[in-house]
Amino acid sequence: MEKRILYKFTFLIIIALLIIVMYVWKWTTDEEEPQNQEDLFDESQHETEQPPVLQEEEIDEVLEDKSDSNTEDETQNAAEDNDHQQTTGDQHETAYQDQFGDEAVTNAKEQAKQGLALYLLQIPEWDKWQGVVRASFLKKIRQNVPTMKEANMERRLESIELFASDASKEDHMVFGAFASWYMTSNGRVTNQRTQLFYLTMVQQDDQWLVNNMVTPDESMEGKMES
């Protein structure tokens, strides 16, 4: 009986010692500094490259290059349009020469240029219009050209560039004209303009006269035609 009690007591002591050892071990491991979780991973595998920071100079260079590229494209497109228009104009002029002769085409171009110049400068001396535009067309022109010039106001013509265009009727010639002109007040430029016109030329008494004058936003059968 006493031996059994001794065995139980010894067993309980062993259990108590084991519990104490476990608590001591757990306490010592908790006191250790916890390992940084980032150390558990290879930083090289999770490293994310940051996008390069663009400096102000680099941004300016990119914008400047893009602007230059756009400007070059616009210039190239304008040049291509001019070349195409020039080629088409040459073809129409050749057709006019084949139909009416070189002298007639030259005379029609000079008359068209002179008629447009008179209109842009708003010349009120009507005798200067005679032999350049048809009488019926001159009546309509006179409604748009003031007979009295404003004081200190003056119109000046810079340039007129003609090119042959397609005529709607077989006995007509049509010329396009890029015109640049400006107005001055007391010697100072107040308004400068560039406009495309189309002039229809008809033959009358062995002369080519201006029969109509329109801009691209008007019909070639516009109100000024007679």
Protein backbone atom coordinates (compact mmCIF):
# COMPACT_ATOMS: atom_id res chain seq x y z
CA MET A 1 0.00 0.00 0.00
CA GLU A 2 2.75 2.43 0.95
CA LYS A 3 4.66 1.48 -2.24
CA ARG A 4 1.67 2.29 -4.41
CA ILE A 5 1.33 5.69 -2.80
CA LEU A 6 5.05 6.27 -3.32
CA TYR A 7 4.77 5.34 -7.01
CA LYS A 8 1.84 7.73 -7.50
CA PHE A 9 3.65 10.52 -5.74
CA THR A 10 6.77 9.92 -7.86
CA PHE A 11 4.67 9.91 -11.02
CA LEU A 12 2.99 13.19 -10.09
CA ILE A 13 6.36 14.78 -9.42
CA ILE A 14 7.62 13.67 -12.84
CA ILE A 15 4.50 15.10 -14.50
CA ALA A 16 4.95 18.37 -12.63
CA LEU A 17 8.60 18.58 -13.67
CA LEU A 18 7.65 17.98 -17.32
CA ILE A 19 5.03 20.74 -17.14
CA ILE A 20 7.55 23.12 -15.58
CA VAL A 21 10.13 22.30 -18.26
CA MET A 22 7.58 22.94 -20.98
CA TYR A 23 6.59 26.31 -19.52
CA VAL A 24 10.25 27.33 -19.18
CA TRP A 25 10.98 26.32 -22.77
CA LYS A 26 7.93 28.18 -24.06
CA TRP A 27 8.85 31.28 -22.07
CA THR A 28 12.41 31.33 -23.40
CA THR A 29 11.28 30.93 -27.02
CA ASP A 30 8.72 33.78 -26.66
CA GLU A 31 11.47 36.10 -25.40
CA GLU A 32 13.46 35.63 -28.61
CA GLU A 33 13.11 38.45 -31.16
CA PRO A 34 10.62 37.36 -33.82
CA GLN A 35 12.05 36.87 -37.19
CA ASN A 36 11.17 39.51 -39.78
CA GLN A 37 8.72 37.98 -42.22
CA GLU A 38 10.43 39.75 -45.09
CA ASP A 39 13.52 37.62 -44.38
CA LEU A 40 11.50 34.52 -45.16
CA PHE A 41 11.26 35.59 -48.80
CA ASP A 42 13.85 36.24 -51.37
CA GLU A 43 13.75 39.98 -51.85
CA SER A 44 15.03 39.60 -55.36
CA GLN A 45 11.85 37.70 -56.28
CA HIS A 46 9.50 40.36 -54.90
CA GLU A 47 11.41 43.45 -55.78
CA THR A 48 9.34 45.73 -58.05
CA GLU A 49 11.14 48.07 -60.35
CA GLN A 50 9.96 51.64 -60.04
CA PRO A 51 9.26 53.46 -63.33
CA PRO A 52 11.97 55.96 -64.22
CA VAL A 53 11.18 59.52 -63.22
CA LEU A 54 11.06 61.83 -66.22
CA GLN A 55 12.95 65.00 -65.67
CA GLU A 56 11.45 68.31 -66.76
CA GLU A 57 14.00 68.63 -69.57
CA GLU A 58 13.06 65.20 -70.91
CA ILE A 59 9.35 66.07 -70.87
CA ASP A 60 10.05 69.31 -72.73
CA GLU A 61 12.10 67.43 -75.31
CA VAL A 62 9.30 64.90 -75.88
CA LEU A 63 6.69 67.66 -76.28
CA GLU A 64 8.99 69.64 -78.56
CA ASP A 65 9.71 66.61 -80.72
CA LYS A 66 5.96 65.91 -81.00
CA SER A 67 5.24 69.53 -81.89
CA ASP A 68 7.98 69.53 -84.52
CA SER A 69 6.60 66.29 -85.94
CA ASN A 70 3.08 67.74 -86.18
CA THR A 71 4.42 70.88 -87.83
CA GLU A 72 6.38 68.83 -90.34
CA ASP A 73 3.28 66.74 -91.11
CA GLU A 74 1.15 69.84 -91.64
CA THR A 75 3.80 71.40 -93.88
CA GLN A 76 4.13 68.20 -95.88
CA ASN A 77 0.35 67.88 -96.27
CA ALA A 78 0.07 71.51 -97.40
CA ALA A 79 2.86 70.97 -99.91
CA GLU A 80 1.20 67.82 -101.22
CA ASP A 81 -2.13 69.67 -101.58
CA ASN A 82 -0.42 72.50 -103.44
CA ASP A 83 1.36 70.05 -105.72
CA HIS A 84 -1.91 68.24 -106.41
CA GLN A 85 -3.73 71.51 -107.09
CA GLN A 86 -0.92 72.71 -109.33
CA THR A 87 -0.99 69.45 -111.28
CA THR A 88 -4.77 69.61 -111.66
CA GLY A 89 -4.57 73.28 -112.65
CA ASP A 90 -1.99 72.50 -115.31
CA GLN A 91 -4.23 69.80 -116.71
CA HIS A 92 -7.23 72.17 -116.90
CA GLU A 93 -5.10 74.91 -118.47
CA THR A 94 -3.81 72.48 -121.07
CA ALA A 95 -7.40 71.51 -121.87
CA TYR A 96 -8.32 75.20 -122.25
CA GLN A 97 -5.34 75.75 -124.55
CA ASP A 98 -6.37 72.81 -126.70
CA GLN A 99 -9.93 74.14 -126.90
CA PHE A 100 -9.45 77.93 -127.17
CA GLY A 101 -5.75 78.41 -127.97
CA ASP A 102 -2.81 79.72 -125.97
CA GLU A 103 -3.53 83.39 -126.66
CA ALA A 104 -7.12 83.11 -125.47
CA VAL A 105 -6.08 81.43 -122.22
CA THR A 106 -3.41 84.08 -121.58
CA ASN A 107 -5.93 86.87 -122.21
CA ALA A 108 -8.54 85.24 -119.96
CA LYS A 109 -6.04 84.90 -117.11
CA GLU A 110 -5.00 88.55 -117.37
CA GLN A 111 -8.62 89.68 -117.42
CA ALA A 112 -9.48 87.50 -114.43
CA LYS A 113 -6.57 88.88 -112.44
CA GLN A 114 -7.44 92.47 -113.31
CA GLY A 115 -11.13 92.00 -112.52
CA LEU A 116 -10.36 90.50 -109.10
CA ALA A 117 -7.91 93.31 -108.33
CA LEU A 118 -10.56 95.94 -109.15
CA TYR A 119 -13.03 94.15 -106.88
CA LEU A 120 -10.67 93.76 -103.93
CA LEU A 121 -9.46 97.35 -104.14
CA GLN A 122 -13.10 98.48 -104.55
CA ILE A 123 -12.27 100.88 -107.37
CA PRO A 124 -15.28 103.21 -107.85
CA GLU A 125 -14.08 104.55 -111.23
CA TRP A 126 -16.41 102.41 -113.34
CA ASP A 127 -14.73 103.17 -116.63
CA LYS A 128 -11.78 101.07 -115.45
CA TRP A 129 -14.11 98.06 -115.21
CA GLN A 130 -15.26 98.32 -118.80
CA GLY A 131 -13.66 95.75 -121.03
CA VAL A 132 -12.79 93.63 -117.98
CA VAL A 133 -16.18 92.42 -116.72
CA ARG A 134 -19.52 91.99 -118.42
CA ALA A 135 -21.92 94.95 -118.18
CA SER A 136 -24.60 92.85 -116.48
CA PHE A 137 -22.09 91.66 -113.90
CA LEU A 138 -20.82 95.20 -113.35
CA LYS A 139 -24.32 96.28 -112.32
CA LYS A 140 -24.22 93.82 -109.47
CA ILE A 141 -20.68 94.78 -108.54
CA ARG A 142 -21.68 98.43 -108.24
CA GLN A 143 -24.12 97.50 -105.50
CA ASN A 144 -21.25 96.17 -103.34
CA VAL A 145 -18.56 98.75 -104.02
CA PRO A 146 -18.97 102.06 -102.14
CA THR A 147 -18.69 105.16 -104.30
CA MET A 148 -17.07 107.17 -101.49
CA LYS A 149 -13.92 106.02 -99.73
CA GLU A 150 -13.64 106.39 -95.99
CA ALA A 151 -11.23 109.06 -94.85
CA ASN A 152 -7.70 107.80 -94.17
CA MET A 153 -8.74 104.27 -95.20
CA GLU A 154 -6.92 102.52 -98.02
CA ARG A 155 -6.95 99.02 -99.52
CA ARG A 156 -3.73 97.47 -100.78
CA LEU A 157 -3.26 94.31 -102.77
CA GLU A 158 -0.38 91.96 -101.96
CA SER A 159 -0.72 89.12 -104.45
CA ILE A 160 -3.02 87.14 -106.72
CA GLU A 161 -2.07 83.60 -107.73
CA LEU A 162 -4.17 82.08 -110.51
CA PHE A 163 -4.72 78.45 -111.46
CA ALA A 164 -7.08 76.90 -113.98
CA SER A 165 -10.13 75.09 -112.65
CA ASP A 166 -12.85 72.93 -114.14
CA ALA A 167 -15.53 74.79 -116.08
CA SER A 168 -19.19 73.81 -115.77
CA LYS A 169 -19.91 74.85 -119.37
CA GLU A 170 -17.95 74.12 -122.52
CA ASP A 171 -17.73 77.75 -123.67
CA HIS A 172 -16.51 79.01 -120.25
CA MET A 173 -13.16 79.10 -118.52
CA VAL A 174 -12.89 79.06 -114.73
CA PHE A 175 -9.85 80.19 -112.76
CA GLY A 176 -9.17 79.89 -109.07
CA ALA A 177 -7.29 82.73 -107.43
CA PHE A 178 -5.58 82.97 -104.05
CA ALA A 179 -5.69 86.66 -103.17
CA SER A 180 -4.01 88.48 -100.28
CA TRP A 181 -4.85 92.06 -99.43
CA TYR A 182 -5.01 94.37 -96.45
CA MET A 183 -6.51 97.65 -95.30
CA THR A 184 -4.73 100.55 -93.66
CA SER A 185 -5.95 103.41 -91.49
CA ASN A 186 -3.67 106.42 -91.22
CA GLY A 187 -0.88 104.29 -92.65
CA ARG A 188 -1.34 101.44 -90.14
CA VAL A 189 -2.52 97.96 -91.13
CA THR A 190 -5.93 97.29 -89.58
CA ASN A 191 -7.10 94.18 -91.44
CA GLN A 192 -5.23 91.58 -93.46
CA ARG A 193 -6.97 88.81 -95.37
CA THR A 194 -6.33 85.88 -97.69
CA GLN A 195 -9.20 84.38 -99.65
CA LEU A 196 -9.78 81.90 -102.45
CA PHE A 197 -12.00 83.08 -105.31
CA TYR A 198 -13.32 81.39 -108.43
CA LEU A 199 -13.85 83.53 -111.52
CA THR A 200 -15.90 82.44 -114.52
CA MET A 201 -14.74 83.87 -117.84
CA VAL A 202 -16.86 84.13 -120.99
CA GLN A 203 -15.98 85.30 -124.49
CA GLN A 204 -17.63 88.46 -125.80
CA ASP A 205 -16.58 90.46 -128.85
CA ASP A 206 -13.26 88.61 -129.10
CA GLN A 207 -12.52 89.37 -125.43
CA TRP A 208 -12.68 87.24 -122.34
CA LEU A 209 -14.67 89.00 -119.60
CA VAL A 210 -15.40 88.20 -115.97
CA ASN A 211 -18.94 86.85 -115.78
CA ASN A 212 -19.03 85.60 -112.19
CA MET A 213 -16.99 85.70 -109.02
CA VAL A 214 -17.59 83.46 -105.99
CA THR A 215 -15.81 82.08 -102.94
CA PRO A 216 -15.71 78.33 -102.07
CA ASP A 217 -18.60 78.67 -99.61
CA GLU A 218 -20.82 79.97 -102.40
CA SER A 219 -22.25 78.03 -105.31
CA MET A 220 -20.64 78.35 -108.72
CA GLU A 221 -24.16 79.28 -109.81
CA GLY A 222 -24.25 81.94 -107.08
CA LYS A 223 -26.13 85.20 -106.87
CA MET A 224 -23.40 87.16 -108.69
CA GLU A 225 -23.73 85.19 -111.89
CA SER A 226 -25.60 86.65 -114.80
